[in-house]
Every structure is written in C-alpha cells, then in structure tokens.
Amino acid sequence: MIDEREGEIRDDRRRHQWAVWKRFYFYARYVWRFVALRRPEPLIYGIALTDRCNLACRGCKVSNTGRPDMTWAQLVTAMQKAWERGFRELYFSGGEPVLWRSGGHTLTDAILAAKRIGFFHVHVYTNGLLGLNMPADLVWVSMDGLPGVYDRRRGDHFNQVVQAVLAGSHPKVAIIYVIDRYTAEGVEPFLRWVVATRFPVVGVMFYFHTPYYGRDELYLSAEERAPLIDRLLGYARAGLPVINSRAGLLALKSGDWPRRFPVASVLDVDGESICCRASDETCVDCGYAACTELTEFQRLRPSAVLSMTRYW
C-alpha cells in the first residue's frame, strides 16, 4: 500500500513537472515573438458568461440587459476554439459570473473544463457577494474603497465582501479598485486599511472609470487622472499594496499605448471583440489598466515584468 502511494506521488510530481515545462516552453517562444519580433499574438481570452448581476453599480450598463446566458455547449465550443487559436490564459466575467447556470453546470464546471482543455491559468472577476469558493487560479474582487466610498459605486455591501475574502475559501485573491469622481478620495485610506488589517489579498489593481456609454458624472479626464496616477506611484514607492507597475501607470498617464491590443479578446453571447466590448470611440478614454501592463511588458519595462509575476 505504501509503495503504491509513493508511486502515485511520483506520477503526480512527473505530471506537474511536465506541465511546468510545457508552460515554460510556450512562454519562451511566445515572449520571443511578442518582444523581439513585435508580434502581439493571442494569449488572453475572456468570456462574459452572463449579463445577470446581483448588484446595480453606478455607471454600469452591461448588467441585467435581458440578453440570454451563454449555454454550456456554446461555452465549451468557444473555449476549445480559443485554445486552438493560441490563447492560453482565460478569465470569466459577467455580469456576475457566479450567477451563471446552464442546465446543471455552474461556474466551477466552467473553470474545470477550461483547465481540462489546457488553459494555463483561469481567473474570475466577481463582486464577491456570492462567495469565493471556486477552483480558479486567481479571483479578482471588486472593492472601490471603504464604507461610505464603496457604497457610492456598489451599494451597502462592503462588509459582506470582506467576510467572503476572510472566509479563506480561496487562497489567492486580488482587488480591483475602479477610480472615478466619487471613489478617488478613498484610495489611500483603502490601501492603508489593507495593510493595517493584513487583509489576505495579493494587492490592489487600480483601473479608471471607462465611459463605455459616453462621458458621465463619474468620468475623469486625462488631466484629472494625472495627479491621481502620481499619487498611486507615490503609494507604490511607499510600499503600499499597489499591483500596477510604474511603467503601466506612466503609460496610462501619458496615453502612449496601443488600443485594441490583439493579445486579448473577449466573448459574449453576441460575439467576440478585441480587447474589450466597448466601442472604438471609447478607447481614447480607456482606463483598463491591465492593457497598459501588457503593452509595457512587451516594451520590456522591468517594473511591468516584475509586477506580472505577482498575479500571473
């Protein structure tokens, strides 16, 4: 019995080593083409499983639109085709992806199916209210400030989200904080709270509100974003848990980064889009900081390369 168990352990170790080697080989070749040959080939695939959401966040118009959820058959076919086209990193979003159902299938089934197909990492973007018990490699939880600031964007749910993270049902959690006209003042207090409470997260990635449906009262112009980005750079230098790289923040400040970056695509029930589901007119005001992290990685900015190792 002991010999049999030791054999299983050795087999598991070999499978793990082989998986690591395959990823290393893929990324070594990909980085060469991406950086040296300047070929932004497919890598990251997003799937918006549902438009249904259990929140009605200020400024959000992509939730509860009445469009149908993606079916299990549509999802599996989409993931297989994405993998065949070269995508190797996958994320699920919504709406609220934890609400997604198709027959007896849930988000957990979708994550496991993605791993069986061969995706290296599977991330989930969630508001956290329905718990974090899922087999994703990383869960991104939306938290835009402490109570009083968070409420302005998402409602009175801060403590529920905190409890979901503290429950420890997922070992690797990171925060998405969207800065808009009403949440900007809460950035530093939130970062200091994360440190003071030893909140068990990888860190905080800051986005800026993107006016998907036109500039609204939440919108901050490039001139208004600039001093806020300078503050984020200062917080990072001071050791506060800002995940954004220095290079990524500077690109976001200058606007000097390519839009519709074909490294990433996203799919919903209406079809596939490059980079995100917004119109081309929105790109000039984009605040999706994950894109600048990728473009600065391609430029081999050391801070961008180092930052990615924290959450990739």
Protein backbone atom coordinates (compact mmCIF):
# COMPACT_ATOMS: atom_id res chain seq x y z
CA MET A 1 0.00 0.00 0.00
CA ILE A 2 2.85 2.38 0.89
CA ASP A 3 4.72 1.54 -2.32
CA GLU A 4 1.53 2.17 -4.32
CA ARG A 5 1.03 5.55 -2.66
CA GLU A 6 4.65 6.52 -3.29
CA GLY A 7 4.19 5.59 -6.94
CA GLU A 8 1.14 7.86 -7.18
CA ILE A 9 3.12 10.71 -5.64
CA ARG A 10 5.95 10.21 -8.14
CA ASP A 11 3.46 10.18 -11.02
CA ASP A 12 1.84 13.39 -9.76
CA ARG A 13 5.27 15.01 -9.48
CA ARG A 14 6.16 13.99 -13.04
CA ARG A 15 2.87 15.33 -14.38
CA HIS A 16 3.43 18.62 -12.55
CA GLN A 17 7.00 18.90 -13.85
CA TRP A 18 5.83 18.17 -17.39
CA ALA A 19 3.09 20.81 -17.11
CA VAL A 20 5.61 23.37 -15.86
CA TRP A 21 7.98 22.54 -18.71
CA LYS A 22 5.20 22.88 -21.33
CA ARG A 23 4.29 26.31 -19.97
CA PHE A 24 7.90 27.41 -19.89
CA TYR A 25 8.43 26.24 -23.49
CA PHE A 26 5.26 28.01 -24.65
CA TYR A 27 6.12 31.27 -22.93
CA ALA A 28 9.76 31.23 -24.03
CA ARG A 29 8.64 31.06 -27.66
CA TYR A 30 5.76 33.48 -27.10
CA VAL A 31 7.95 36.11 -25.42
CA TRP A 32 10.45 35.90 -28.26
CA ARG A 33 7.74 36.56 -30.84
CA PHE A 34 5.97 39.12 -28.63
CA VAL A 35 9.03 41.14 -27.60
CA ALA A 36 11.70 40.59 -30.23
CA LEU A 37 9.50 40.22 -33.33
CA ARG A 38 6.78 42.61 -32.07
CA ARG A 39 4.05 40.13 -32.89
CA PRO A 40 1.14 40.54 -30.43
CA GLU A 41 -0.33 37.08 -30.86
CA PRO A 42 -3.38 35.76 -28.99
CA LEU A 43 -2.82 35.00 -25.32
CA ILE A 44 -5.67 36.07 -23.00
CA TYR A 45 -9.29 35.10 -23.63
CA GLY A 46 -12.21 36.50 -21.66
CA ILE A 47 -15.71 35.06 -21.56
CA ALA A 48 -18.66 37.05 -20.24
CA LEU A 49 -20.87 34.15 -19.20
CA THR A 50 -23.93 36.19 -18.25
CA ASP A 51 -25.21 39.73 -18.10
CA ARG A 52 -27.19 38.94 -14.95
CA CYS A 53 -25.88 40.59 -11.79
CA ASN A 54 -26.93 40.81 -8.15
CA LEU A 55 -25.83 44.46 -7.98
CA ALA A 56 -26.76 47.63 -9.83
CA CYS A 57 -23.48 49.53 -9.68
CA ARG A 58 -23.37 53.21 -10.51
CA GLY A 59 -22.15 53.73 -14.04
CA CYS A 60 -22.58 50.10 -15.11
CA LYS A 61 -24.86 49.42 -18.07
CA VAL A 62 -23.68 45.95 -19.07
CA SER A 63 -25.60 44.11 -16.35
CA ASN A 64 -29.16 42.77 -16.40
CA THR A 65 -29.69 43.68 -20.04
CA GLY A 66 -32.04 40.76 -20.65
CA ARG A 67 -29.68 39.00 -23.04
CA PRO A 68 -29.54 35.22 -22.53
CA ASP A 69 -26.75 33.47 -20.67
CA MET A 70 -24.18 31.55 -22.66
CA THR A 71 -25.11 27.87 -22.86
CA TRP A 72 -22.79 25.08 -21.78
CA ALA A 73 -22.41 23.90 -25.38
CA GLN A 74 -21.57 27.41 -26.58
CA LEU A 75 -19.06 27.82 -23.76
CA VAL A 76 -17.19 24.56 -24.31
CA THR A 77 -17.03 25.14 -28.07
CA ALA A 78 -15.76 28.69 -27.56
CA MET A 79 -13.04 27.58 -25.15
CA GLN A 80 -11.87 24.79 -27.44
CA LYS A 81 -11.69 27.12 -30.43
CA ALA A 82 -9.87 29.78 -28.41
CA TRP A 83 -7.28 27.25 -27.27
CA GLU A 84 -6.79 26.04 -30.85
CA ARG A 85 -6.17 29.65 -31.95
CA GLY A 86 -3.36 30.02 -29.43
CA PHE A 87 -4.99 31.53 -26.35
CA ARG A 88 -3.58 30.03 -23.16
CA GLU A 89 -4.87 32.31 -20.37
CA LEU A 90 -8.59 32.55 -19.64
CA TYR A 91 -10.85 34.64 -17.45
CA PHE A 92 -14.56 34.61 -16.70
CA SER A 93 -16.59 37.75 -16.12
CA GLY A 94 -20.16 38.99 -16.37
CA GLY A 95 -22.44 40.48 -15.13
CA GLU A 96 -21.70 38.36 -12.09
CA PRO A 97 -20.22 35.07 -13.33
CA VAL A 98 -21.08 33.16 -10.14
CA LEU A 99 -24.77 33.53 -11.10
CA TRP A 100 -24.23 31.65 -14.37
CA ARG A 101 -26.05 28.37 -14.86
CA SER A 102 -26.58 26.18 -17.88
CA GLY A 103 -28.56 23.06 -17.15
CA GLY A 104 -26.77 21.57 -14.16
CA HIS A 105 -23.48 23.34 -14.94
CA THR A 106 -22.05 26.13 -12.79
CA LEU A 107 -19.01 28.41 -12.84
CA THR A 108 -17.00 25.67 -11.11
CA ASP A 109 -17.72 23.32 -14.01
CA ALA A 110 -16.65 26.03 -16.47
CA ILE A 111 -13.34 26.55 -14.66
CA LEU A 112 -12.59 22.84 -14.52
CA ALA A 113 -13.47 22.44 -18.20
CA ALA A 114 -11.07 25.27 -19.10
CA LYS A 115 -8.28 23.53 -17.21
CA ARG A 116 -9.00 20.22 -18.88
CA ILE A 117 -8.80 21.89 -22.29
CA GLY A 118 -5.34 23.10 -21.34
CA PHE A 119 -5.51 26.76 -20.30
CA PHE A 120 -2.56 27.58 -18.07
CA HIS A 121 -4.40 29.89 -15.68
CA VAL A 122 -8.07 30.63 -15.14
CA HIS A 123 -9.08 33.89 -13.43
CA VAL A 124 -12.52 35.09 -12.32
CA TYR A 125 -13.78 38.66 -11.91
CA THR A 126 -16.51 38.89 -9.28
CA ASN A 127 -18.16 41.29 -6.85
CA GLY A 128 -17.57 38.72 -4.11
CA LEU A 129 -21.08 38.70 -2.66
CA LEU A 130 -21.75 35.06 -3.53
CA GLY A 131 -18.52 33.73 -2.06
CA LEU A 132 -15.13 32.80 -3.49
CA ASN A 133 -15.26 29.02 -3.26
CA MET A 134 -14.14 28.17 -6.78
CA PRO A 135 -11.16 26.36 -8.36
CA ALA A 136 -9.86 29.43 -10.23
CA ASP A 137 -6.15 30.22 -10.03
CA LEU A 138 -6.87 33.82 -9.03
CA VAL A 139 -10.05 35.65 -8.09
CA TRP A 140 -10.30 39.40 -8.73
CA VAL A 141 -12.78 41.01 -6.34
CA SER A 142 -14.22 44.48 -6.95
CA MET A 143 -13.79 46.77 -3.92
CA ASP A 144 -13.80 50.50 -4.60
CA GLY A 145 -12.97 51.97 -1.21
CA LEU A 146 -14.04 51.64 2.42
CA PRO A 147 -17.67 52.00 3.59
CA GLY A 148 -19.01 55.39 2.59
CA VAL A 149 -16.91 55.42 -0.59
CA TYR A 150 -17.57 51.85 -1.72
CA ASP A 151 -21.30 52.47 -1.24
CA ARG A 152 -21.34 55.28 -3.78
CA ARG A 153 -20.48 52.88 -6.58
CA ARG A 154 -21.76 49.47 -5.46
CA GLY A 155 -24.17 49.90 -2.54
CA ASP A 156 -24.06 48.88 1.10
CA HIS A 157 -22.28 45.52 0.69
CA PHE A 158 -18.72 46.20 1.85
CA ASN A 159 -18.82 44.01 4.96
CA GLN A 160 -20.27 41.08 3.01
CA VAL A 161 -17.36 41.22 0.58
CA VAL A 162 -14.83 41.48 3.41
CA GLN A 163 -16.31 38.39 5.07
CA ALA A 164 -16.18 36.48 1.78
CA VAL A 165 -12.46 37.19 1.47
CA LEU A 166 -11.74 36.48 5.15
CA ALA A 167 -13.58 33.16 4.94
CA GLY A 168 -10.46 31.85 3.21
CA SER A 169 -12.35 29.75 0.69
CA HIS A 170 -9.87 30.84 -1.97
CA PRO A 171 -6.10 31.01 -1.42
CA LYS A 172 -5.31 33.73 -3.96
CA VAL A 173 -7.40 36.89 -4.17
CA ALA A 174 -6.61 40.32 -5.64
CA ILE A 175 -8.63 43.52 -5.58
CA ILE A 176 -9.86 45.64 -8.49
CA TYR A 177 -10.43 49.26 -7.44
CA VAL A 178 -12.11 51.49 -10.05
CA ILE A 179 -11.26 55.15 -9.58
CA ASP A 180 -13.99 57.60 -10.55
CA ARG A 181 -15.03 61.07 -9.41
CA TYR A 182 -16.61 59.63 -6.25
CA THR A 183 -14.12 56.90 -5.31
CA ALA A 184 -10.88 58.82 -5.92
CA GLU A 185 -10.74 60.19 -2.38
CA GLY A 186 -10.88 56.69 -0.91
CA VAL A 187 -7.72 55.28 -2.50
CA GLU A 188 -5.16 55.99 0.22
CA PRO A 189 -7.44 55.07 3.17
CA PHE A 190 -8.29 51.80 1.45
CA LEU A 191 -4.64 50.90 0.82
CA ARG A 192 -3.72 51.69 4.42
CA TRP A 193 -6.68 49.63 5.64
CA VAL A 194 -5.48 46.63 3.58
CA VAL A 195 -2.08 46.89 5.27
CA ALA A 196 -3.38 47.61 8.79
CA THR A 197 -5.85 44.71 8.77
CA ARG A 198 -3.48 42.34 6.97
CA PHE A 199 -6.27 41.75 4.51
CA PRO A 200 -5.35 38.47 2.78
CA VAL A 201 -5.02 39.67 -0.80
CA VAL A 202 -2.19 39.76 -3.33
CA GLY A 203 -2.69 43.51 -3.69
CA VAL A 204 -4.83 46.14 -5.39
CA MET A 205 -5.01 46.83 -9.14
CA PHE A 206 -6.35 50.28 -9.95
CA TYR A 207 -8.47 50.99 -13.02
CA PHE A 208 -10.08 54.26 -14.01
CA HIS A 209 -13.75 54.50 -14.85
CA THR A 210 -14.16 53.99 -18.58
CA PRO A 211 -17.16 55.79 -20.12
CA TYR A 212 -18.47 52.85 -22.12
CA TYR A 213 -21.74 54.65 -22.86
CA GLY A 214 -20.46 58.19 -23.10
CA ARG A 215 -18.85 60.54 -20.63
CA ASP A 216 -20.91 60.80 -17.49
CA GLU A 217 -20.65 62.25 -13.98
CA LEU A 218 -18.15 59.54 -12.96
CA TYR A 219 -15.71 60.35 -15.75
CA LEU A 220 -12.27 61.80 -15.01
CA SER A 221 -10.43 63.48 -17.86
CA ALA A 222 -6.78 62.76 -18.62
CA GLU A 223 -5.87 66.00 -16.86
CA GLU A 224 -7.81 64.92 -13.77
CA ARG A 225 -6.36 61.42 -13.81
CA ALA A 226 -2.75 62.62 -13.97
CA PRO A 227 -2.34 63.78 -10.33
CA LEU A 228 -4.16 60.67 -9.13
CA ILE A 229 -1.72 58.49 -11.05
CA ASP A 230 1.15 60.43 -9.49
CA ARG A 231 -0.31 59.60 -6.08
CA LEU A 232 -0.55 55.90 -6.98
CA LEU A 233 3.11 55.97 -7.96
CA GLY A 234 3.91 57.52 -4.61
CA TYR A 235 1.88 54.93 -2.72
CA ALA A 236 3.73 52.15 -4.55
CA ARG A 237 7.11 53.69 -3.68
CA ALA A 238 5.97 53.88 -0.05
CA GLY A 239 5.34 50.14 -0.05
CA LEU A 240 1.55 50.20 -0.13
CA PRO A 241 0.00 47.22 -1.98
CA VAL A 242 -0.44 48.71 -5.46
CA ILE A 243 -0.19 45.94 -8.08
CA ASN A 244 0.01 48.29 -11.06
CA SER A 245 3.56 48.66 -12.30
CA ARG A 246 5.29 52.02 -12.53
CA ALA A 247 5.55 51.59 -16.30
CA GLY A 248 1.88 50.69 -16.64
CA LEU A 249 0.77 53.72 -14.63
CA LEU A 250 3.01 56.07 -16.60
CA ALA A 251 1.58 54.71 -19.86
CA LEU A 252 -1.92 55.20 -18.50
CA LYS A 253 -1.00 58.79 -17.63
CA SER A 254 0.59 59.64 -20.98
CA GLY A 255 -1.89 57.77 -23.16
CA ASP A 256 1.08 56.37 -25.08
CA TRP A 257 -0.08 52.81 -25.57
CA PRO A 258 -1.79 50.98 -28.44
CA ARG A 259 -5.54 50.49 -28.27
CA ARG A 260 -7.34 47.32 -29.38
CA PHE A 261 -4.30 45.29 -28.36
CA PRO A 262 -4.86 41.91 -30.09
CA VAL A 263 -3.19 39.91 -27.33
CA ALA A 264 -6.58 39.79 -25.62
CA SER A 265 -10.12 39.07 -26.82
CA VAL A 266 -13.45 38.78 -25.04
CA LEU A 267 -16.57 36.84 -25.99
CA ASP A 268 -20.22 37.21 -25.03
CA VAL A 269 -23.44 35.83 -26.50
CA ASP A 270 -23.35 38.44 -29.26
CA GLY A 271 -19.85 37.59 -30.46
CA GLU A 272 -16.17 38.32 -29.95
CA SER A 273 -14.36 41.64 -29.52
CA ILE A 274 -10.69 42.50 -29.46
CA CYS A 275 -9.53 43.79 -26.08
CA CYS A 276 -12.97 44.69 -24.67
CA ARG A 277 -16.65 45.06 -25.61
CA ALA A 278 -16.65 48.87 -25.79
CA SER A 279 -16.94 50.89 -28.99
CA ASP A 280 -13.85 52.22 -30.72
CA GLU A 281 -14.82 55.75 -29.68
CA THR A 282 -14.40 54.73 -26.04
CA CYS A 283 -10.79 53.58 -26.47
CA VAL A 284 -9.34 57.09 -26.18
CA ASP A 285 -10.76 57.31 -22.64
CA CYS A 286 -9.87 53.76 -21.65
CA GLY A 287 -8.94 53.24 -18.02
CA TYR A 288 -8.44 49.49 -18.23
CA ALA A 289 -5.02 49.33 -16.61
CA ALA A 290 -4.47 45.65 -17.39
CA CYS A 291 -3.92 46.68 -21.02
CA THR A 292 -1.09 49.06 -20.16
CA GLU A 293 0.54 46.31 -18.12
CA LEU A 294 0.62 44.12 -21.24
CA THR A 295 1.89 46.83 -23.57
CA GLU A 296 4.66 47.78 -21.12
CA PHE A 297 5.59 44.14 -20.72
CA GLN A 298 6.06 43.99 -24.50
CA ARG A 299 8.35 47.01 -24.19
CA LEU A 300 10.30 45.02 -21.57
CA ARG A 301 9.81 47.60 -18.86
CA PRO A 302 11.31 45.91 -15.76
CA SER A 303 8.54 47.08 -13.43
CA ALA A 304 5.85 45.63 -15.70
CA VAL A 305 7.65 42.29 -15.94
CA LEU A 306 8.11 42.15 -12.16
CA SER A 307 4.53 43.20 -11.44
CA MET A 308 3.07 40.42 -13.58
CA THR A 309 4.88 37.77 -11.54
CA ARG A 310 2.72 38.78 -8.55
CA TYR A 311 -0.59 37.80 -10.07
CA TRP A 312 0.04 35.77 -13.24
